[in-house]
Amino acid sequence: MMNVARILPAFFFTVCAMILLGCSPSATMKTVEPDHIVYLDDGDSLSVKLVRGEILVLRALSETGDSLALDNASIDRIVHRASGRDVTDRYIDRDALKIELGKRAALLRREKLKADVAAGKRKKSELDRLPFTVLSANLERPSGESPQIALTILNLTEKKISLLRTRVHCFDAQGRPQSGTRGRNHVFDATSRVPIGPGEDFTTILTLRNHPRTRKAKVDIHYLEFSDGTWWKGRIEEEVE
């Protein structure tokens, strides 16, 4: 058993020495110099030293040297302390975060549906009705280039998707159909043959070369083929701006 009577005098001597030297016990715990301030959605903020940014979390060290994994979805912004610059985009990819969170939510819903089918609460046909989900659809206008639609879908089935067909409806800023060049109408077809495995997500870039004045669009995914020779036909629409 420890001799408390011997330990306490030594502890108080150490504390007194620290006070005489202008130190305090709490000061010795500050082992990390913060380089950023992380502002959270709830109004709180943290002074930390950043380690690295990941899709879902931000790795950092607290002022006392503790390792932190901050939820990126709860972060409002990240500010560099020395310059005062907002450097959020350097550490958090909002598009990738949205896709990953959407993927996890969709897979959880799919597993619940499968469990309900197995329990007889839902019909098996409901599994086949929606073999995929759209995780993201964004209209981008790179400087000096044609408009592009970045479309990310998630394969919800246990089969490999071998072909994807979409229609893109192009509009102007007011939502009116926007005809293309050389007499083309406002709709064009796009086909992707890049395989998408079970539970995988895939992003395809649809370049609107023949519709350079597009400001809004609607993506209509209407046909899939699977590697086992089966197919799906329906309509999933996404508005894109």
C-alpha atoms as a PDB file:
ATOM      1  CA  MET A   1       0.000   0.000   0.000  1.00  0.00           C
ATOM      2  CA  MET A   2       1.263   3.495  -0.872  1.00  0.00           C
ATOM      3  CA  ASN A   3       2.528   5.728   1.948  1.00  0.00           C
ATOM      4  CA  VAL A   4       0.206   8.727   1.416  1.00  0.00           C
ATOM      5  CA  ALA A   5       1.973  10.671   4.138  1.00  0.00           C
ATOM      6  CA  ARG A   6       5.185  10.562   2.093  1.00  0.00           C
ATOM      7  CA  ILE A   7       3.542  11.377  -1.270  1.00  0.00           C
ATOM      8  CA  LEU A   8       1.492  14.446  -0.238  1.00  0.00           C
ATOM      9  CA  PRO A   9       4.429  16.596   0.980  1.00  0.00           C
ATOM     10  CA  ALA A  10       6.277  15.913  -2.269  1.00  0.00           C
ATOM     11  CA  PHE A  11       3.188  16.897  -4.293  1.00  0.00           C
ATOM     12  CA  PHE A  12       2.683  20.165  -2.393  1.00  0.00           C
ATOM     13  CA  PHE A  13       6.388  20.970  -2.760  1.00  0.00           C
ATOM     14  CA  THR A  14       6.104  20.528  -6.535  1.00  0.00           C
ATOM     15  CA  VAL A  15       3.032  22.777  -6.749  1.00  0.00           C
ATOM     16  CA  CYS A  16       4.671  25.485  -4.646  1.00  0.00           C
ATOM     17  CA  ALA A  17       7.774  25.376  -6.801  1.00  0.00           C
ATOM     18  CA  MET A  18       5.635  25.806  -9.923  1.00  0.00           C
ATOM     19  CA  ILE A  19       3.872  28.824  -8.426  1.00  0.00           C
ATOM     20  CA  LEU A  20       7.202  30.433  -7.499  1.00  0.00           C
ATOM     21  CA  LEU A  21       8.374  29.933 -11.058  1.00  0.00           C
ATOM     22  CA  GLY A  22       5.230  31.593 -12.410  1.00  0.00           C
ATOM     23  CA  CYS A  23       3.642  28.315 -13.535  1.00  0.00           C
ATOM     24  CA  SER A  24       0.493  26.431 -12.616  1.00  0.00           C
ATOM     25  CA  PRO A  25      -0.502  22.776 -12.860  1.00  0.00           C
ATOM     26  CA  SER A  26      -2.940  23.560 -15.687  1.00  0.00           C
ATOM     27  CA  ALA A  27      -0.265  25.393 -17.679  1.00  0.00           C
ATOM     28  CA  THR A  28       1.901  22.280 -17.881  1.00  0.00           C
ATOM     29  CA  MET A  29      -0.995  20.376 -19.476  1.00  0.00           C
ATOM     30  CA  LYS A  30      -0.989  22.642 -22.552  1.00  0.00           C
ATOM     31  CA  THR A  31       1.275  20.565 -24.763  1.00  0.00           C
ATOM     32  CA  VAL A  32      -0.066  21.498 -28.221  1.00  0.00           C
ATOM     33  CA  GLU A  33      -0.117  24.903 -29.877  1.00  0.00           C
ATOM     34  CA  PRO A  34      -3.465  25.288 -31.739  1.00  0.00           C
ATOM     35  CA  ASP A  35      -3.239  26.416 -35.355  1.00  0.00           C
ATOM     36  CA  HIS A  36      -6.952  26.472 -36.292  1.00  0.00           C
ATOM     37  CA  ILE A  37     -10.345  27.309 -34.796  1.00  0.00           C
ATOM     38  CA  VAL A  38     -13.168  24.906 -35.623  1.00  0.00           C
ATOM     39  CA  TYR A  39     -16.647  26.454 -35.419  1.00  0.00           C
ATOM     40  CA  LEU A  40     -19.478  23.991 -34.872  1.00  0.00           C
ATOM     41  CA  ASP A  41     -23.088  24.212 -36.031  1.00  0.00           C
ATOM     42  CA  ASP A  42     -24.349  24.552 -32.457  1.00  0.00           C
ATOM     43  CA  GLY A  43     -22.355  27.767 -31.926  1.00  0.00           C
ATOM     44  CA  ASP A  44     -19.459  26.226 -29.995  1.00  0.00           C
ATOM     45  CA  SER A  45     -15.852  26.483 -31.151  1.00  0.00           C
ATOM     46  CA  LEU A  46     -12.619  24.585 -30.526  1.00  0.00           C
ATOM     47  CA  SER A  47      -8.989  25.680 -30.791  1.00  0.00           C
ATOM     48  CA  VAL A  48      -7.067  22.711 -32.167  1.00  0.00           C
ATOM     49  CA  LYS A  49      -4.040  21.614 -34.125  1.00  0.00           C
ATOM     50  CA  LEU A  50      -5.268  19.925 -37.294  1.00  0.00           C
ATOM     51  CA  VAL A  51      -3.819  16.577 -38.302  1.00  0.00           C
ATOM     52  CA  ARG A  52      -5.784  15.642 -41.422  1.00  0.00           C
ATOM     53  CA  GLY A  53      -9.195  15.793 -43.008  1.00  0.00           C
ATOM     54  CA  GLU A  54     -11.130  12.642 -43.915  1.00  0.00           C
ATOM     55  CA  ILE A  55     -14.496  12.259 -45.628  1.00  0.00           C
ATOM     56  CA  LEU A  56     -16.499  11.823 -42.422  1.00  0.00           C
ATOM     57  CA  VAL A  57     -14.261  13.194 -39.693  1.00  0.00           C
ATOM     58  CA  LEU A  58     -11.601  15.823 -39.030  1.00  0.00           C
ATOM     59  CA  ARG A  59      -8.577  14.518 -37.126  1.00  0.00           C
ATOM     60  CA  ALA A  60      -7.098  17.014 -34.672  1.00  0.00           C
ATOM     61  CA  LEU A  61      -5.269  17.451 -31.378  1.00  0.00           C
ATOM     62  CA  SER A  62      -6.688  19.416 -28.460  1.00  0.00           C
ATOM     63  CA  GLU A  63      -4.617  21.944 -26.521  1.00  0.00           C
ATOM     64  CA  THR A  64      -3.900  19.226 -23.955  1.00  0.00           C
ATOM     65  CA  GLY A  65      -2.733  16.776 -26.615  1.00  0.00           C
ATOM     66  CA  ASP A  66      -5.872  14.637 -26.757  1.00  0.00           C
ATOM     67  CA  SER A  67      -6.703  13.068 -30.150  1.00  0.00           C
ATOM     68  CA  LEU A  68     -10.049  14.251 -31.531  1.00  0.00           C
ATOM     69  CA  ALA A  69     -12.244  12.961 -34.347  1.00  0.00           C
ATOM     70  CA  LEU A  70     -14.707  15.739 -35.135  1.00  0.00           C
ATOM     71  CA  ASP A  71     -17.855  14.916 -37.115  1.00  0.00           C
ATOM     72  CA  ASN A  72     -17.584  16.851 -40.393  1.00  0.00           C
ATOM     73  CA  ALA A  73     -21.367  17.083 -40.649  1.00  0.00           C
ATOM     74  CA  SER A  74     -21.402  19.156 -37.427  1.00  0.00           C
ATOM     75  CA  ILE A  75     -18.695  21.612 -38.539  1.00  0.00           C
ATOM     76  CA  ASP A  76     -19.740  25.032 -39.785  1.00  0.00           C
ATOM     77  CA  ARG A  77     -16.303  26.326 -40.763  1.00  0.00           C
ATOM     78  CA  ILE A  78     -12.586  26.067 -40.066  1.00  0.00           C
ATOM     79  CA  VAL A  79     -10.487  29.218 -39.653  1.00  0.00           C
ATOM     80  CA  HIS A  80      -6.695  29.451 -39.730  1.00  0.00           C
ATOM     81  CA  ARG A  81      -5.704  31.288 -36.540  1.00  0.00           C
ATOM     82  CA  ALA A  82      -2.682  33.182 -37.834  1.00  0.00           C
ATOM     83  CA  SER A  83      -4.244  34.532 -41.036  1.00  0.00           C
ATOM     84  CA  GLY A  84      -7.957  34.471 -40.164  1.00  0.00           C
ATOM     85  CA  ARG A  85      -8.694  32.734 -43.477  1.00  0.00           C
ATOM     86  CA  ASP A  86     -11.601  30.331 -43.887  1.00  0.00           C
ATOM     87  CA  VAL A  87      -9.915  27.056 -44.921  1.00  0.00           C
ATOM     88  CA  THR A  88     -12.922  24.739 -44.614  1.00  0.00           C
ATOM     89  CA  ASP A  89     -12.720  23.533 -48.218  1.00  0.00           C
ATOM     90  CA  ARG A  90      -9.118  22.465 -47.666  1.00  0.00           C
ATOM     91  CA  TYR A  91     -10.139  19.932 -45.033  1.00  0.00           C
ATOM     92  CA  ILE A  92     -13.777  19.061 -45.773  1.00  0.00           C
ATOM     93  CA  ASP A  93     -15.100  17.936 -49.160  1.00  0.00           C
ATOM     94  CA  ARG A  94     -18.794  18.763 -48.785  1.00  0.00           C
ATOM     95  CA  ASP A  95     -19.779  16.872 -51.951  1.00  0.00           C
ATOM     96  CA  ALA A  96     -17.963  13.712 -50.877  1.00  0.00           C
ATOM     97  CA  LEU A  97     -19.462  14.034 -47.386  1.00  0.00           C
ATOM     98  CA  LYS A  98     -22.981  14.348 -48.811  1.00  0.00           C
ATOM     99  CA  ILE A  99     -22.462  11.292 -51.010  1.00  0.00           C
ATOM    100  CA  GLU A 100     -21.033   9.153 -48.188  1.00  0.00           C
ATOM    101  CA  LEU A 101     -23.801  10.083 -45.739  1.00  0.00           C
ATOM    102  CA  GLY A 102     -26.425   9.472 -48.419  1.00  0.00           C
ATOM    103  CA  LYS A 103     -24.877   6.104 -49.236  1.00  0.00           C
ATOM    104  CA  ARG A 104     -24.927   4.958 -45.624  1.00  0.00           C
ATOM    105  CA  ALA A 105     -28.527   6.080 -45.139  1.00  0.00           C
ATOM    106  CA  ALA A 106     -29.650   4.367 -48.368  1.00  0.00           C
ATOM    107  CA  LEU A 107     -27.947   1.090 -47.468  1.00  0.00           C
ATOM    108  CA  LEU A 108     -29.538   1.138 -44.017  1.00  0.00           C
ATOM    109  CA  ARG A 109     -32.969   1.666 -45.580  1.00  0.00           C
ATOM    110  CA  ARG A 110     -32.265  -1.173 -48.012  1.00  0.00           C
ATOM    111  CA  GLU A 111     -31.293  -3.548 -45.202  1.00  0.00           C
ATOM    112  CA  LYS A 112     -34.459  -2.654 -43.314  1.00  0.00           C
ATOM    113  CA  LEU A 113     -36.545  -3.312 -46.421  1.00  0.00           C
ATOM    114  CA  LYS A 114     -34.868  -6.684 -46.904  1.00  0.00           C
ATOM    115  CA  ALA A 115     -35.563  -7.550 -43.271  1.00  0.00           C
ATOM    116  CA  ASP A 116     -39.232  -6.553 -43.681  1.00  0.00           C
ATOM    117  CA  VAL A 117     -39.488  -8.713 -46.818  1.00  0.00           C
ATOM    118  CA  ALA A 118     -37.957 -11.672 -44.980  1.00  0.00           C
ATOM    119  CA  ALA A 119     -40.442 -11.153 -42.131  1.00  0.00           C
ATOM    120  CA  GLY A 120     -43.369 -10.997 -44.544  1.00  0.00           C
ATOM    121  CA  LYS A 121     -44.127  -7.326 -43.794  1.00  0.00           C
ATOM    122  CA  ARG A 122     -43.305  -6.100 -47.321  1.00  0.00           C
ATOM    123  CA  LYS A 123     -43.517  -7.618 -50.801  1.00  0.00           C
ATOM    124  CA  LYS A 124     -40.375  -8.875 -52.539  1.00  0.00           C
ATOM    125  CA  SER A 125     -41.304  -6.832 -55.616  1.00  0.00           C
ATOM    126  CA  GLU A 126     -40.428  -3.685 -53.653  1.00  0.00           C
ATOM    127  CA  LEU A 127     -36.768  -4.734 -53.704  1.00  0.00           C
ATOM    128  CA  ASP A 128     -36.786  -4.852 -57.500  1.00  0.00           C
ATOM    129  CA  ARG A 129     -38.736  -1.639 -57.982  1.00  0.00           C
ATOM    130  CA  LEU A 130     -35.834   0.625 -56.990  1.00  0.00           C
ATOM    131  CA  PRO A 131     -32.530  -1.119 -57.790  1.00  0.00           C
ATOM    132  CA  PHE A 132     -30.508   2.081 -57.316  1.00  0.00           C
ATOM    133  CA  THR A 133     -30.680   5.535 -55.774  1.00  0.00           C
ATOM    134  CA  VAL A 134     -29.284   8.901 -56.818  1.00  0.00           C
ATOM    135  CA  LEU A 135     -26.813  10.201 -54.227  1.00  0.00           C
ATOM    136  CA  SER A 136     -25.918  13.457 -55.955  1.00  0.00           C
ATOM    137  CA  ALA A 137     -26.659  15.424 -59.132  1.00  0.00           C
ATOM    138  CA  ASN A 138     -24.925  18.758 -59.693  1.00  0.00           C
ATOM    139  CA  LEU A 139     -24.668  21.106 -62.666  1.00  0.00           C
ATOM    140  CA  GLU A 140     -21.184  22.556 -62.999  1.00  0.00           C
ATOM    141  CA  ARG A 141     -19.841  25.202 -65.369  1.00  0.00           C
ATOM    142  CA  PRO A 142     -16.024  24.951 -65.549  1.00  0.00           C
ATOM    143  CA  SER A 143     -14.464  28.195 -66.784  1.00  0.00           C
ATOM    144  CA  GLY A 144     -14.277  28.228 -70.570  1.00  0.00           C
ATOM    145  CA  GLU A 145     -15.759  24.733 -70.895  1.00  0.00           C
ATOM    146  CA  SER A 146     -19.142  23.185 -71.620  1.00  0.00           C
ATOM    147  CA  PRO A 147     -21.628  22.689 -68.761  1.00  0.00           C
ATOM    148  CA  GLN A 148     -21.340  19.341 -66.987  1.00  0.00           C
ATOM    149  CA  ILE A 149     -23.629  17.248 -64.828  1.00  0.00           C
ATOM    150  CA  ALA A 150     -21.911  15.203 -62.124  1.00  0.00           C
ATOM    151  CA  LEU A 151     -24.272  12.300 -61.413  1.00  0.00           C
ATOM    152  CA  THR A 152     -23.594   9.811 -58.607  1.00  0.00           C
ATOM    153  CA  ILE A 153     -25.736   6.711 -58.197  1.00  0.00           C
ATOM    154  CA  LEU A 154     -25.621   3.802 -55.757  1.00  0.00           C
ATOM    155  CA  ASN A 155     -26.279   0.212 -56.797  1.00  0.00           C
ATOM    156  CA  LEU A 156     -28.674  -1.210 -54.194  1.00  0.00           C
ATOM    157  CA  THR A 157     -28.855  -4.711 -55.657  1.00  0.00           C
ATOM    158  CA  GLU A 158     -26.675  -7.779 -55.249  1.00  0.00           C
ATOM    159  CA  LYS A 159     -25.980  -7.791 -58.998  1.00  0.00           C
ATOM    160  CA  LYS A 160     -23.501  -5.827 -61.086  1.00  0.00           C
ATOM    161  CA  ILE A 161     -24.941  -3.023 -63.215  1.00  0.00           C
ATOM    162  CA  SER A 162     -23.349  -3.225 -66.671  1.00  0.00           C
ATOM    163  CA  LEU A 163     -25.226  -0.440 -68.497  1.00  0.00           C
ATOM    164  CA  LEU A 164     -26.972   2.779 -67.481  1.00  0.00           C
ATOM    165  CA  ARG A 165     -29.106   4.948 -69.753  1.00  0.00           C
ATOM    166  CA  THR A 166     -30.238   8.468 -68.977  1.00  0.00           C
ATOM    167  CA  ARG A 167     -32.005  11.344 -70.688  1.00  0.00           C
ATOM    168  CA  VAL A 168     -30.986  14.910 -69.915  1.00  0.00           C
ATOM    169  CA  HIS A 169     -33.587  17.657 -70.374  1.00  0.00           C
ATOM    170  CA  CYS A 170     -31.898  21.060 -70.754  1.00  0.00           C
ATOM    171  CA  PHE A 171     -33.464  24.372 -69.694  1.00  0.00           C
ATOM    172  CA  ASP A 172     -32.563  28.038 -69.470  1.00  0.00           C
ATOM    173  CA  ALA A 173     -32.437  29.974 -66.181  1.00  0.00           C
ATOM    174  CA  GLN A 174     -36.235  30.447 -66.233  1.00  0.00           C
ATOM    175  CA  GLY A 175     -36.877  26.716 -66.698  1.00  0.00           C
ATOM    176  CA  ARG A 176     -37.782  26.904 -70.398  1.00  0.00           C
ATOM    177  CA  PRO A 177     -36.538  24.142 -72.744  1.00  0.00           C
ATOM    178  CA  GLN A 178     -33.136  25.108 -74.146  1.00  0.00           C
ATOM    179  CA  SER A 179     -32.454  23.789 -77.664  1.00  0.00           C
ATOM    180  CA  GLY A 180     -28.979  22.593 -78.552  1.00  0.00           C
ATOM    181  CA  THR A 181     -26.687  23.441 -81.453  1.00  0.00           C
ATOM    182  CA  ARG A 182     -27.270  22.393 -85.081  1.00  0.00           C
ATOM    183  CA  GLY A 183     -31.010  22.098 -84.695  1.00  0.00           C
ATOM    184  CA  ARG A 184     -30.952  19.678 -81.777  1.00  0.00           C
ATOM    185  CA  ASN A 185     -33.875  19.722 -79.362  1.00  0.00           C
ATOM    186  CA  HIS A 186     -33.517  20.184 -75.620  1.00  0.00           C
ATOM    187  CA  VAL A 187     -33.189  16.458 -74.798  1.00  0.00           C
ATOM    188  CA  PHE A 188     -30.219  14.187 -75.356  1.00  0.00           C
ATOM    189  CA  ASP A 189     -29.465  10.593 -74.420  1.00  0.00           C
ATOM    190  CA  ALA A 190     -26.402   9.427 -72.523  1.00  0.00           C
ATOM    191  CA  THR A 191     -25.202   5.868 -71.927  1.00  0.00           C
ATOM    192  CA  SER A 192     -22.601   4.588 -69.461  1.00  0.00           C
ATOM    193  CA  ARG A 193     -21.093   1.123 -69.703  1.00  0.00           C
ATOM    194  CA  VAL A 194     -18.846   1.393 -66.664  1.00  0.00           C
ATOM    195  CA  PRO A 195     -19.752  -1.554 -64.370  1.00  0.00           C
ATOM    196  CA  ILE A 196     -21.094  -0.769 -60.908  1.00  0.00           C
ATOM    197  CA  GLY A 197     -20.734  -3.574 -58.381  1.00  0.00           C
ATOM    198  CA  PRO A 198     -23.239  -4.498 -55.663  1.00  0.00           C
ATOM    199  CA  GLY A 199     -23.387  -1.800 -52.988  1.00  0.00           C
ATOM    200  CA  GLU A 200     -21.005   0.437 -54.933  1.00  0.00           C
ATOM    201  CA  ASP A 201     -21.484   4.056 -55.900  1.00  0.00           C
ATOM    202  CA  PHE A 202     -20.374   5.502 -59.224  1.00  0.00           C
ATOM    203  CA  THR A 203     -20.033   9.058 -60.511  1.00  0.00           C
ATOM    204  CA  THR A 204     -20.406   9.811 -64.201  1.00  0.00           C
ATOM    205  CA  ILE A 205     -19.817  13.199 -65.828  1.00  0.00           C
ATOM    206  CA  LEU A 206     -22.335  14.158 -68.519  1.00  0.00           C
ATOM    207  CA  THR A 207     -20.796  16.919 -70.647  1.00  0.00           C
ATOM    208  CA  LEU A 208     -23.379  19.140 -72.378  1.00  0.00           C
ATOM    209  CA  ARG A 209     -21.229  20.041 -75.409  1.00  0.00           C
ATOM    210  CA  ASN A 210     -24.223  20.433 -77.700  1.00  0.00           C
ATOM    211  CA  HIS A 211     -26.206  22.405 -75.112  1.00  0.00           C
ATOM    212  CA  PRO A 212     -23.739  25.086 -73.978  1.00  0.00           C
ATOM    213  CA  ARG A 213     -26.412  27.519 -72.756  1.00  0.00           C
ATOM    214  CA  THR A 214     -27.962  25.122 -70.249  1.00  0.00           C
ATOM    215  CA  ARG A 215     -28.602  26.675 -66.838  1.00  0.00           C
ATOM    216  CA  LYS A 216     -30.919  24.050 -65.366  1.00  0.00           C
ATOM    217  CA  ALA A 217     -31.503  20.395 -66.199  1.00  0.00           C
ATOM    218  CA  LYS A 218     -33.533  17.314 -65.337  1.00  0.00           C
ATOM    219  CA  VAL A 219     -31.857  13.925 -65.404  1.00  0.00           C
ATOM    220  CA  ASP A 220     -34.136  11.001 -66.214  1.00  0.00           C
ATOM    221  CA  ILE A 221     -32.621   7.573 -65.484  1.00  0.00           C
ATOM    222  CA  HIS A 222     -34.860   5.099 -67.246  1.00  0.00           C
ATOM    223  CA  TYR A 223     -32.990   1.870 -68.055  1.00  0.00           C
ATOM    224  CA  LEU A 224     -30.429  -0.488 -66.466  1.00  0.00           C
ATOM    225  CA  GLU A 225     -28.885  -3.742 -67.594  1.00  0.00           C
ATOM    226  CA  PHE A 226     -27.238  -6.203 -65.230  1.00  0.00           C
ATOM    227  CA  SER A 227     -24.328  -8.537 -65.860  1.00  0.00           C
ATOM    228  CA  ASP A 228     -26.598 -11.596 -65.517  1.00  0.00           C
ATOM    229  CA  GLY A 229     -28.673 -10.477 -68.516  1.00  0.00           C
ATOM    230  CA  THR A 230     -31.637  -9.094 -66.552  1.00  0.00           C
ATOM    231  CA  TRP A 231     -32.759  -5.498 -66.875  1.00  0.00           C
ATOM    232  CA  TRP A 232     -34.787  -2.772 -65.191  1.00  0.00           C
ATOM    233  CA  LYS A 233     -36.987  -0.191 -66.839  1.00  0.00           C
ATOM    234  CA  GLY A 234     -38.637   2.697 -65.021  1.00  0.00           C
ATOM    235  CA  ARG A 235     -38.044   6.373 -64.323  1.00  0.00           C
ATOM    236  CA  ILE A 236     -36.088   8.157 -61.632  1.00  0.00           C
ATOM    237  CA  GLU A 237     -35.860  11.929 -62.105  1.00  0.00           C
ATOM    238  CA  GLU A 238     -33.520  14.454 -60.524  1.00  0.00           C
ATOM    239  CA  GLU A 239     -33.727  18.232 -60.889  1.00  0.00           C
ATOM    240  CA  VAL A 240     -30.293  19.796 -61.377  1.00  0.00           C
ATOM    241  CA  GLU A 241     -29.209  23.429 -61.039  1.00  0.00           C
END
